[in-house]
Amino acid sequence: MTTTLTTSEAQDQFSELINQVVHNKDHVILTRRGKEIAAIIPLEDLALLQSLQSKNDLQQALDALKEAREKGSISLEKVKDEIGV
């Protein structure tokens, strides 16, 4: 279940919210001035997100390496010269 609360509401209910997240695996979205700004999620969900990000980062690095091997690369000095640094 996902609950949306203002930061003030969350502050007043903090202990209860933590219990809902830990025991029920709920998600809590925090808002300020009508905008979503943060979330409280179970630690297991955070670990999953971090794992997915790591896999995505690795895939991007592998893709960049493959492209560099196929198309070649240029030195940092040449890049600096091209952009005027």
PDB file of N, CA and C in Angstrom:
ATOM      1  N   MET A   1       0.835  -1.176   0.000  1.00  0.00           N
ATOM      2  CA  MET A   1       0.000   0.000   0.000  1.00  0.00           C
ATOM      3  C   MET A   1       0.885   1.246   0.000  1.00  0.00           C
ATOM      4  N   THR A   2       0.455   2.282  -0.688  1.00  0.00           N
ATOM      5  CA  THR A   2       1.183   3.544  -0.727  1.00  0.00           C
ATOM      6  C   THR A   2       0.338   4.633  -0.083  1.00  0.00           C
ATOM      7  N   THR A   3       0.956   5.341   0.833  1.00  0.00           N
ATOM      8  CA  THR A   3       0.314   6.450   1.523  1.00  0.00           C
ATOM      9  C   THR A   3       1.030   7.724   1.139  1.00  0.00           C
ATOM     10  N   THR A   4       0.285   8.803   0.947  1.00  0.00           N
ATOM     11  CA  THR A   4       0.872  10.101   0.652  1.00  0.00           C
ATOM     12  C   THR A   4       0.519  11.057   1.784  1.00  0.00           C
ATOM     13  N   LEU A   5       1.555  11.687   2.344  1.00  0.00           N
ATOM     14  CA  LEU A   5       1.371  12.610   3.460  1.00  0.00           C
ATOM     15  C   LEU A   5       2.256  13.835   3.270  1.00  0.00           C
ATOM     16  N   THR A   6       1.849  14.927   3.884  1.00  0.00           N
ATOM     17  CA  THR A   6       2.748  16.083   3.920  1.00  0.00           C
ATOM     18  C   THR A   6       3.856  15.787   4.916  1.00  0.00           C
ATOM     19  N   THR A   7       4.928  16.526   4.822  1.00  0.00           N
ATOM     20  CA  THR A   7       6.026  16.314   5.765  1.00  0.00           C
ATOM     21  C   THR A   7       5.586  16.609   7.194  1.00  0.00           C
ATOM     22  N   SER A   8       4.701  17.569   7.372  1.00  0.00           N
ATOM     23  CA  SER A   8       4.193  17.881   8.718  1.00  0.00           C
ATOM     24  C   SER A   8       3.385  16.719   9.277  1.00  0.00           C
ATOM     25  N   GLU A   9       2.515  16.136   8.446  1.00  0.00           N
ATOM     26  CA  GLU A   9       1.731  14.976   8.881  1.00  0.00           C
ATOM     27  C   GLU A   9       2.655  13.815   9.223  1.00  0.00           C
ATOM     28  N   ALA A  10       3.660  13.601   8.383  1.00  0.00           N
ATOM     29  CA  ALA A  10       4.594  12.500   8.610  1.00  0.00           C
ATOM     30  C   ALA A  10       5.365  12.702   9.909  1.00  0.00           C
ATOM     31  N   GLN A  11       5.717  13.928  10.185  1.00  0.00           N
ATOM     32  CA  GLN A  11       6.443  14.221  11.418  1.00  0.00           C
ATOM     33  C   GLN A  11       5.592  13.852  12.633  1.00  0.00           C
ATOM     34  N   ASP A  12       4.308  14.178  12.587  1.00  0.00           N
ATOM     35  CA  ASP A  12       3.406  13.873  13.697  1.00  0.00           C
ATOM     36  C   ASP A  12       3.168  12.377  13.865  1.00  0.00           C
ATOM     37  N   GLN A  13       3.286  11.618  12.764  1.00  0.00           N
ATOM     38  CA  GLN A  13       2.979  10.180  12.778  1.00  0.00           C
ATOM     39  C   GLN A  13       4.223   9.315  12.543  1.00  0.00           C
ATOM     40  N   PHE A  14       5.400   9.864  12.764  1.00  0.00           N
ATOM     41  CA  PHE A  14       6.633   9.202  12.335  1.00  0.00           C
ATOM     42  C   PHE A  14       6.761   7.761  12.832  1.00  0.00           C
ATOM     43  N   SER A  15       6.587   7.527  14.114  1.00  0.00           N
ATOM     44  CA  SER A  15       6.741   6.162  14.651  1.00  0.00           C
ATOM     45  C   SER A  15       5.760   5.193  14.010  1.00  0.00           C
ATOM     46  N   GLU A  16       4.515   5.634  13.840  1.00  0.00           N
ATOM     47  CA  GLU A  16       3.505   4.789  13.209  1.00  0.00           C
ATOM     48  C   GLU A  16       3.870   4.490  11.748  1.00  0.00           C
ATOM     49  N   LEU A  17       4.356   5.513  11.036  1.00  0.00           N
ATOM     50  CA  LEU A  17       4.748   5.316   9.634  1.00  0.00           C
ATOM     51  C   LEU A  17       5.881   4.316   9.515  1.00  0.00           C
ATOM     52  N   ILE A  18       6.870   4.444  10.372  1.00  0.00           N
ATOM     53  CA  ILE A  18       7.997   3.507  10.338  1.00  0.00           C
ATOM     54  C   ILE A  18       7.503   2.090  10.569  1.00  0.00           C
ATOM     55  N   ASN A  19       6.616   1.913  11.514  1.00  0.00           N
ATOM     56  CA  ASN A  19       6.062   0.584  11.773  1.00  0.00           C
ATOM     57  C   ASN A  19       5.310   0.044  10.556  1.00  0.00           C
ATOM     58  N   GLN A  20       4.540   0.889   9.879  1.00  0.00           N
ATOM     59  CA  GLN A  20       3.816   0.457   8.678  1.00  0.00           C
ATOM     60  C   GLN A  20       4.792   0.030   7.584  1.00  0.00           C
ATOM     61  N   VAL A  21       5.860   0.769   7.427  1.00  0.00           N
ATOM     62  CA  VAL A  21       6.849   0.449   6.397  1.00  0.00           C
ATOM     63  C   VAL A  21       7.569  -0.855   6.751  1.00  0.00           C
ATOM     64  N   VAL A  22       7.985  -0.982   7.996  1.00  0.00           N
ATOM     65  CA  VAL A  22       8.753  -2.160   8.406  1.00  0.00           C
ATOM     66  C   VAL A  22       7.894  -3.426   8.414  1.00  0.00           C
ATOM     67  N   HIS A  23       6.716  -3.340   9.010  1.00  0.00           N
ATOM     68  CA  HIS A  23       5.916  -4.550   9.208  1.00  0.00           C
ATOM     69  C   HIS A  23       4.979  -4.870   8.037  1.00  0.00           C
ATOM     70  N   ASN A  24       4.438  -3.849   7.406  1.00  0.00           N
ATOM     71  CA  ASN A  24       3.481  -4.079   6.323  1.00  0.00           C
ATOM     72  C   ASN A  24       4.086  -3.900   4.937  1.00  0.00           C
ATOM     73  N   LYS A  25       5.347  -3.463   4.904  1.00  0.00           N
ATOM     74  CA  LYS A  25       6.045  -3.209   3.635  1.00  0.00           C
ATOM     75  C   LYS A  25       5.357  -2.111   2.825  1.00  0.00           C
ATOM     76  N   ASP A  26       4.696  -1.176   3.534  1.00  0.00           N
ATOM     77  CA  ASP A  26       4.048  -0.037   2.873  1.00  0.00           C
ATOM     78  C   ASP A  26       5.087   0.942   2.354  1.00  0.00           C
ATOM     79  N   HIS A  27       4.662   1.790   1.436  1.00  0.00           N
ATOM     80  CA  HIS A  27       5.475   2.896   0.933  1.00  0.00           C
ATOM     81  C   HIS A  27       4.799   4.189   1.363  1.00  0.00           C
ATOM     82  N   VAL A  28       5.597   5.176   1.754  1.00  0.00           N
ATOM     83  CA  VAL A  28       5.054   6.466   2.154  1.00  0.00           C
ATOM     84  C   VAL A  28       5.700   7.535   1.284  1.00  0.00           C
ATOM     85  N   ILE A  29       4.874   8.293   0.588  1.00  0.00           N
ATOM     86  CA  ILE A  29       5.364   9.403  -0.226  1.00  0.00           C
ATOM     87  C   ILE A  29       5.154  10.681   0.563  1.00  0.00           C
ATOM     88  N   LEU A  30       6.203  11.473   0.685  1.00  0.00           N
ATOM     89  CA  LEU A  30       6.137  12.725   1.421  1.00  0.00           C
ATOM     90  C   LEU A  30       6.018  13.888   0.448  1.00  0.00           C
ATOM     91  N   THR A  31       5.147  14.829   0.801  1.00  0.00           N
ATOM     92  CA  THR A  31       4.950  16.001  -0.046  1.00  0.00           C
ATOM     93  C   THR A  31       5.241  17.273   0.749  1.00  0.00           C
ATOM     94  N   ARG A  32       5.609  18.295   0.005  1.00  0.00           N
ATOM     95  CA  ARG A  32       5.784  19.622   0.572  1.00  0.00           C
ATOM     96  C   ARG A  32       5.255  20.618  -0.440  1.00  0.00           C
ATOM     97  N   ARG A  33       4.341  21.457  -0.003  1.00  0.00           N
ATOM     98  CA  ARG A  33       3.708  22.444  -0.883  1.00  0.00           C
ATOM     99  C   ARG A  33       3.103  21.779  -2.129  1.00  0.00           C
ATOM    100  N   GLY A  34       2.531  20.581  -1.925  1.00  0.00           N
ATOM    101  CA  GLY A  34       1.858  19.887  -3.006  1.00  0.00           C
ATOM    102  C   GLY A  34       2.754  19.099  -3.949  1.00  0.00           C
ATOM    103  N   LYS A  35       4.059  19.115  -3.712  1.00  0.00           N
ATOM    104  CA  LYS A  35       4.987  18.378  -4.580  1.00  0.00           C
ATOM    105  C   LYS A  35       5.568  17.181  -3.842  1.00  0.00           C
ATOM    106  N   GLU A  36       5.647  16.054  -4.550  1.00  0.00           N
ATOM    107  CA  GLU A  36       6.281  14.866  -3.984  1.00  0.00           C
ATOM    108  C   GLU A  36       7.779  15.109  -3.885  1.00  0.00           C
ATOM    109  N   ILE A  37       8.336  14.893  -2.687  1.00  0.00           N
ATOM    110  CA  ILE A  37       9.758  15.213  -2.489  1.00  0.00           C
ATOM    111  C   ILE A  37      10.603  14.039  -1.999  1.00  0.00           C
ATOM    112  N   ALA A  38       9.970  13.046  -1.396  1.00  0.00           N
ATOM    113  CA  ALA A  38      10.752  11.936  -0.840  1.00  0.00           C
ATOM    114  C   ALA A  38       9.819  10.756  -0.582  1.00  0.00           C
ATOM    115  N   ALA A  39      10.444   9.626  -0.254  1.00  0.00           N
ATOM    116  CA  ALA A  39       9.660   8.432   0.068  1.00  0.00           C
ATOM    117  C   ALA A  39      10.322   7.674   1.206  1.00  0.00           C
ATOM    118  N   ILE A  40       9.501   7.023   1.980  1.00  0.00           N
ATOM    119  CA  ILE A  40       9.982   6.087   2.999  1.00  0.00           C
ATOM    120  C   ILE A  40       9.582   4.705   2.506  1.00  0.00           C
ATOM    121  N   ILE A  41      10.569   3.847   2.323  1.00  0.00           N
ATOM    122  CA  ILE A  41      10.318   2.507   1.784  1.00  0.00           C
ATOM    123  C   ILE A  41      11.054   1.476   2.627  1.00  0.00           C
ATOM    124  N   PRO A  42      10.635   0.220   2.556  1.00  0.00           N
ATOM    125  CA  PRO A  42      11.353  -0.831   3.277  1.00  0.00           C
ATOM    126  C   PRO A  42      12.803  -0.952   2.778  1.00  0.00           C
ATOM    127  N   LEU A  43      13.674  -1.327   3.659  1.00  0.00           N
ATOM    128  CA  LEU A  43      15.080  -1.475   3.322  1.00  0.00           C
ATOM    129  C   LEU A  43      15.286  -2.473   2.185  1.00  0.00           C
ATOM    130  N   GLU A  44      14.456  -3.514   2.132  1.00  0.00           N
ATOM    131  CA  GLU A  44      14.561  -4.500   1.060  1.00  0.00           C
ATOM    132  C   GLU A  44      14.301  -3.863  -0.303  1.00  0.00           C
ATOM    133  N   ASP A  45      13.354  -2.932  -0.356  1.00  0.00           N
ATOM    134  CA  ASP A  45      13.054  -2.245  -1.612  1.00  0.00           C
ATOM    135  C   ASP A  45      14.227  -1.360  -2.034  1.00  0.00           C
ATOM    136  N   LEU A  46      14.854  -0.706  -1.063  1.00  0.00           N
ATOM    137  CA  LEU A  46      16.023   0.115  -1.365  1.00  0.00           C
ATOM    138  C   LEU A  46      17.146  -0.753  -1.911  1.00  0.00           C
ATOM    139  N   ALA A  47      17.378  -1.905  -1.303  1.00  0.00           N
ATOM    140  CA  ALA A  47      18.425  -2.808  -1.780  1.00  0.00           C
ATOM    141  C   ALA A  47      18.150  -3.241  -3.218  1.00  0.00           C
ATOM    142  N   LEU A  48      16.892  -3.517  -3.531  1.00  0.00           N
ATOM    143  CA  LEU A  48      16.514  -3.901  -4.897  1.00  0.00           C
ATOM    144  C   LEU A  48      16.783  -2.752  -5.870  1.00  0.00           C
ATOM    145  N   LEU A  49      16.398  -1.542  -5.502  1.00  0.00           N
ATOM    146  CA  LEU A  49      16.641  -0.380  -6.356  1.00  0.00           C
ATOM    147  C   LEU A  49      18.136  -0.175  -6.596  1.00  0.00           C
ATOM    148  N   GLN A  50      18.931  -0.323  -5.535  1.00  0.00           N
ATOM    149  CA  GLN A  50      20.376  -0.159  -5.675  1.00  0.00           C
ATOM    150  C   GLN A  50      20.968  -1.240  -6.564  1.00  0.00           C
ATOM    151  N   SER A  51      20.480  -2.458  -6.439  1.00  0.00           N
ATOM    152  CA  SER A  51      20.957  -3.550  -7.277  1.00  0.00           C
ATOM    153  C   SER A  51      20.628  -3.295  -8.743  1.00  0.00           C
ATOM    154  N   LEU A  52      19.408  -2.835  -8.995  1.00  0.00           N
ATOM    155  CA  LEU A  52      19.012  -2.529 -10.372  1.00  0.00           C
ATOM    156  C   LEU A  52      19.854  -1.395 -10.946  1.00  0.00           C
ATOM    157  N   GLN A  53      20.140  -0.389 -10.131  1.00  0.00           N
ATOM    158  CA  GLN A  53      20.961   0.727 -10.587  1.00  0.00           C
ATOM    159  C   GLN A  53      22.374   0.252 -10.904  1.00  0.00           C
ATOM    160  N   SER A  54      22.921  -0.620 -10.057  1.00  0.00           N
ATOM    161  CA  SER A  54      24.266  -1.145 -10.294  1.00  0.00           C
ATOM    162  C   SER A  54      24.316  -1.938 -11.594  1.00  0.00           C
ATOM    163  N   LYS A  55      23.287  -2.745 -11.836  1.00  0.00           N
ATOM    164  CA  LYS A  55      23.235  -3.522 -13.079  1.00  0.00           C
ATOM    165  C   LYS A  55      23.129  -2.595 -14.280  1.00  0.00           C
ATOM    166  N   ASN A  56      22.330  -1.547 -14.159  1.00  0.00           N
ATOM    167  CA  ASN A  56      22.183  -0.578 -15.237  1.00  0.00           C
ATOM    168  C   ASN A  56      23.504   0.152 -15.494  1.00  0.00           C
ATOM    169  N   ASP A  57      24.193   0.550 -14.425  1.00  0.00           N
ATOM    170  CA  ASP A  57      25.483   1.223 -14.564  1.00  0.00           C
ATOM    171  C   ASP A  57      26.496   0.313 -15.259  1.00  0.00           C
ATOM    172  N   LEU A  58      26.514  -0.959 -14.877  1.00  0.00           N
ATOM    173  CA  LEU A  58      27.432  -1.916 -15.491  1.00  0.00           C
ATOM    174  C   LEU A  58      27.119  -2.083 -16.970  1.00  0.00           C
ATOM    175  N   GLN A  59      25.828  -2.194 -17.312  1.00  0.00           N
ATOM    176  CA  GLN A  59      25.456  -2.350 -18.715  1.00  0.00           C
ATOM    177  C   GLN A  59      25.856  -1.128 -19.525  1.00  0.00           C
ATOM    178  N   GLN A  60      25.669   0.071 -18.973  1.00  0.00           N
ATOM    179  CA  GLN A  60      26.064   1.292 -19.676  1.00  0.00           C
ATOM    180  C   GLN A  60      27.574   1.336 -19.885  1.00  0.00           C
ATOM    181  N   ALA A  61      28.331   0.902 -18.884  1.00  0.00           N
ATOM    182  CA  ALA A  61      29.787   0.878 -19.017  1.00  0.00           C
ATOM    183  C   ALA A  61      30.215  -0.115 -20.095  1.00  0.00           C
ATOM    184  N   LEU A  62      29.584  -1.292 -20.118  1.00  0.00           N
ATOM    185  CA  LEU A  62      29.902  -2.288 -21.136  1.00  0.00           C
ATOM    186  C   LEU A  62      29.552  -1.783 -22.533  1.00  0.00           C
ATOM    187  N   ASP A  63      28.404  -1.115 -22.648  1.00  0.00           N
ATOM    188  CA  ASP A  63      27.994  -0.552 -23.939  1.00  0.00           C
ATOM    189  C   ASP A  63      28.981   0.518 -24.401  1.00  0.00           C
ATOM    190  N   ALA A  64      29.435   1.363 -23.472  1.00  0.00           N
ATOM    191  CA  ALA A  64      30.390   2.420 -23.819  1.00  0.00           C
ATOM    192  C   ALA A  64      31.729   1.824 -24.246  1.00  0.00           C
ATOM    193  N   LEU A  65      32.164   0.785 -23.564  1.00  0.00           N
ATOM    194  CA  LEU A  65      33.417   0.117 -23.923  1.00  0.00           C
ATOM    195  C   LEU A  65      33.311  -0.509 -25.308  1.00  0.00           C
ATOM    196  N   LYS A  66      32.181  -1.155 -25.576  1.00  0.00           N
ATOM    197  CA  LYS A  66      31.972  -1.767 -26.892  1.00  0.00           C
ATOM    198  C   LYS A  66      31.991  -0.697 -27.983  1.00  0.00           C
ATOM    199  N   GLU A  67      31.318   0.419 -27.742  1.00  0.00           N
ATOM    200  CA  GLU A  67      31.292   1.512 -28.718  1.00  0.00           C
ATOM    201  C   GLU A  67      32.694   2.075 -28.941  1.00  0.00           C
ATOM    202  N   ALA A  68      33.458   2.225 -27.883  1.00  0.00           N
ATOM    203  CA  ALA A  68      34.824   2.743 -28.010  1.00  0.00           C
ATOM    204  C   ALA A  68      35.689   1.794 -28.827  1.00  0.00           C
ATOM    205  N   ARG A  69      35.502   0.506 -28.613  1.00  0.00           N
ATOM    206  CA  ARG A  69      36.277  -0.476 -29.383  1.00  0.00           C
ATOM    207  C   ARG A  69      35.882  -0.465 -30.856  1.00  0.00           C
ATOM    208  N   GLU A  70      34.590  -0.299 -31.119  1.00  0.00           N
ATOM    209  CA  GLU A  70      34.100  -0.327 -32.500  1.00  0.00           C
ATOM    210  C   GLU A  70      34.407   0.968 -33.248  1.00  0.00           C
ATOM    211  N   LYS A  71      34.217   2.092 -32.578  1.00  0.00           N
ATOM    212  CA  LYS A  71      34.338   3.388 -33.250  1.00  0.00           C
ATOM    213  C   LYS A  71      35.634   4.120 -32.932  1.00  0.00           C
ATOM    214  N   GLY A  72      36.373   3.611 -31.965  1.00  0.00           N
ATOM    215  CA  GLY A  72      37.588   4.301 -31.549  1.00  0.00           C
ATOM    216  C   GLY A  72      37.267   5.370 -30.512  1.00  0.00           C
ATOM    217  N   SER A  73      38.298   5.962 -29.985  1.00  0.00           N
ATOM    218  CA  SER A  73      38.121   6.984 -28.964  1.00  0.00           C
ATOM    219  C   SER A  73      39.135   8.099 -29.193  1.00  0.00           C
ATOM    220  N   ILE A  74      38.951   9.212 -28.493  1.00  0.00           N
ATOM    221  CA  ILE A  74      39.900  10.319 -28.599  1.00  0.00           C
ATOM    222  C   ILE A  74      40.426  10.643 -27.214  1.00  0.00           C
ATOM    223  N   SER A  75      41.564  11.290 -27.170  1.00  0.00           N
ATOM    224  CA  SER A  75      42.194  11.591 -25.892  1.00  0.00           C
ATOM    225  C   SER A  75      41.483  12.746 -25.186  1.00  0.00           C
ATOM    226  N   LEU A  76      41.705  12.829 -23.894  1.00  0.00           N
ATOM    227  CA  LEU A  76      41.151  13.924 -23.104  1.00  0.00           C
ATOM    228  C   LEU A  76      41.688  15.257 -23.601  1.00  0.00           C
ATOM    229  N   GLU A  77      42.955  15.289 -23.954  1.00  0.00           N
ATOM    230  CA  GLU A  77      43.548  16.533 -24.458  1.00  0.00           C
ATOM    231  C   GLU A  77      42.842  17.010 -25.729  1.00  0.00           C
ATOM    232  N   LYS A  78      42.493  16.085 -26.610  1.00  0.00           N
ATOM    233  CA  LYS A  78      41.798  16.463 -27.834  1.00  0.00           C
ATOM    234  C   LYS A  78      40.398  16.990 -27.533  1.00  0.00           C
ATOM    235  N   VAL A  79      39.736  16.372 -26.586  1.00  0.00           N
ATOM    236  CA  VAL A  79      38.418  16.849 -26.187  1.00  0.00           C
ATOM    237  C   VAL A  79      38.518  18.263 -25.634  1.00  0.00           C
ATOM    238  N   LYS A  80      39.512  18.498 -24.784  1.00  0.00           N
ATOM    239  CA  LYS A  80      39.720  19.840 -24.215  1.00  0.00           C
ATOM    240  C   LYS A  80      39.970  20.854 -25.309  1.00  0.00           C
ATOM    241  N   ASP A  81      40.787  20.483 -26.269  1.00  0.00           N
ATOM    242  CA  ASP A  81      41.071  21.393 -27.388  1.00  0.00           C
ATOM    243  C   ASP A  81      39.790  21.704 -28.167  1.00  0.00           C
ATOM    244  N   GLU A  82      38.969  20.693 -28.407  1.00  0.00           N
ATOM    245  CA  GLU A  82      37.749  20.865 -29.179  1.00  0.00           C
ATOM    246  C   GLU A  82      36.724  21.762 -28.469  1.00  0.00           C
ATOM    247  N   ILE A  83      36.689  21.711 -27.149  1.00  0.00           N
ATOM    248  CA  ILE A  83      35.701  22.527 -26.442  1.00  0.00           C
ATOM    249  C   ILE A  83      36.312  23.823 -25.900  1.00  0.00           C
ATOM    250  N   GLY A  84      37.602  23.998 -26.136  1.00  0.00           N
ATOM    251  CA  GLY A  84      38.247  25.256 -25.751  1.00  0.00           C
ATOM    252  C   GLY A  84      38.583  25.392 -24.291  1.00  0.00           C
ATOM    253  N   VAL A  85      38.937  24.316 -23.665  1.00  0.00           N
ATOM    254  CA  VAL A  85      39.315  24.361 -22.244  1.00  0.00           C
ATOM    255  C   VAL A  85      40.809  24.338 -22.099  1.00  0.00           C
TER     256      VAL A  85
END
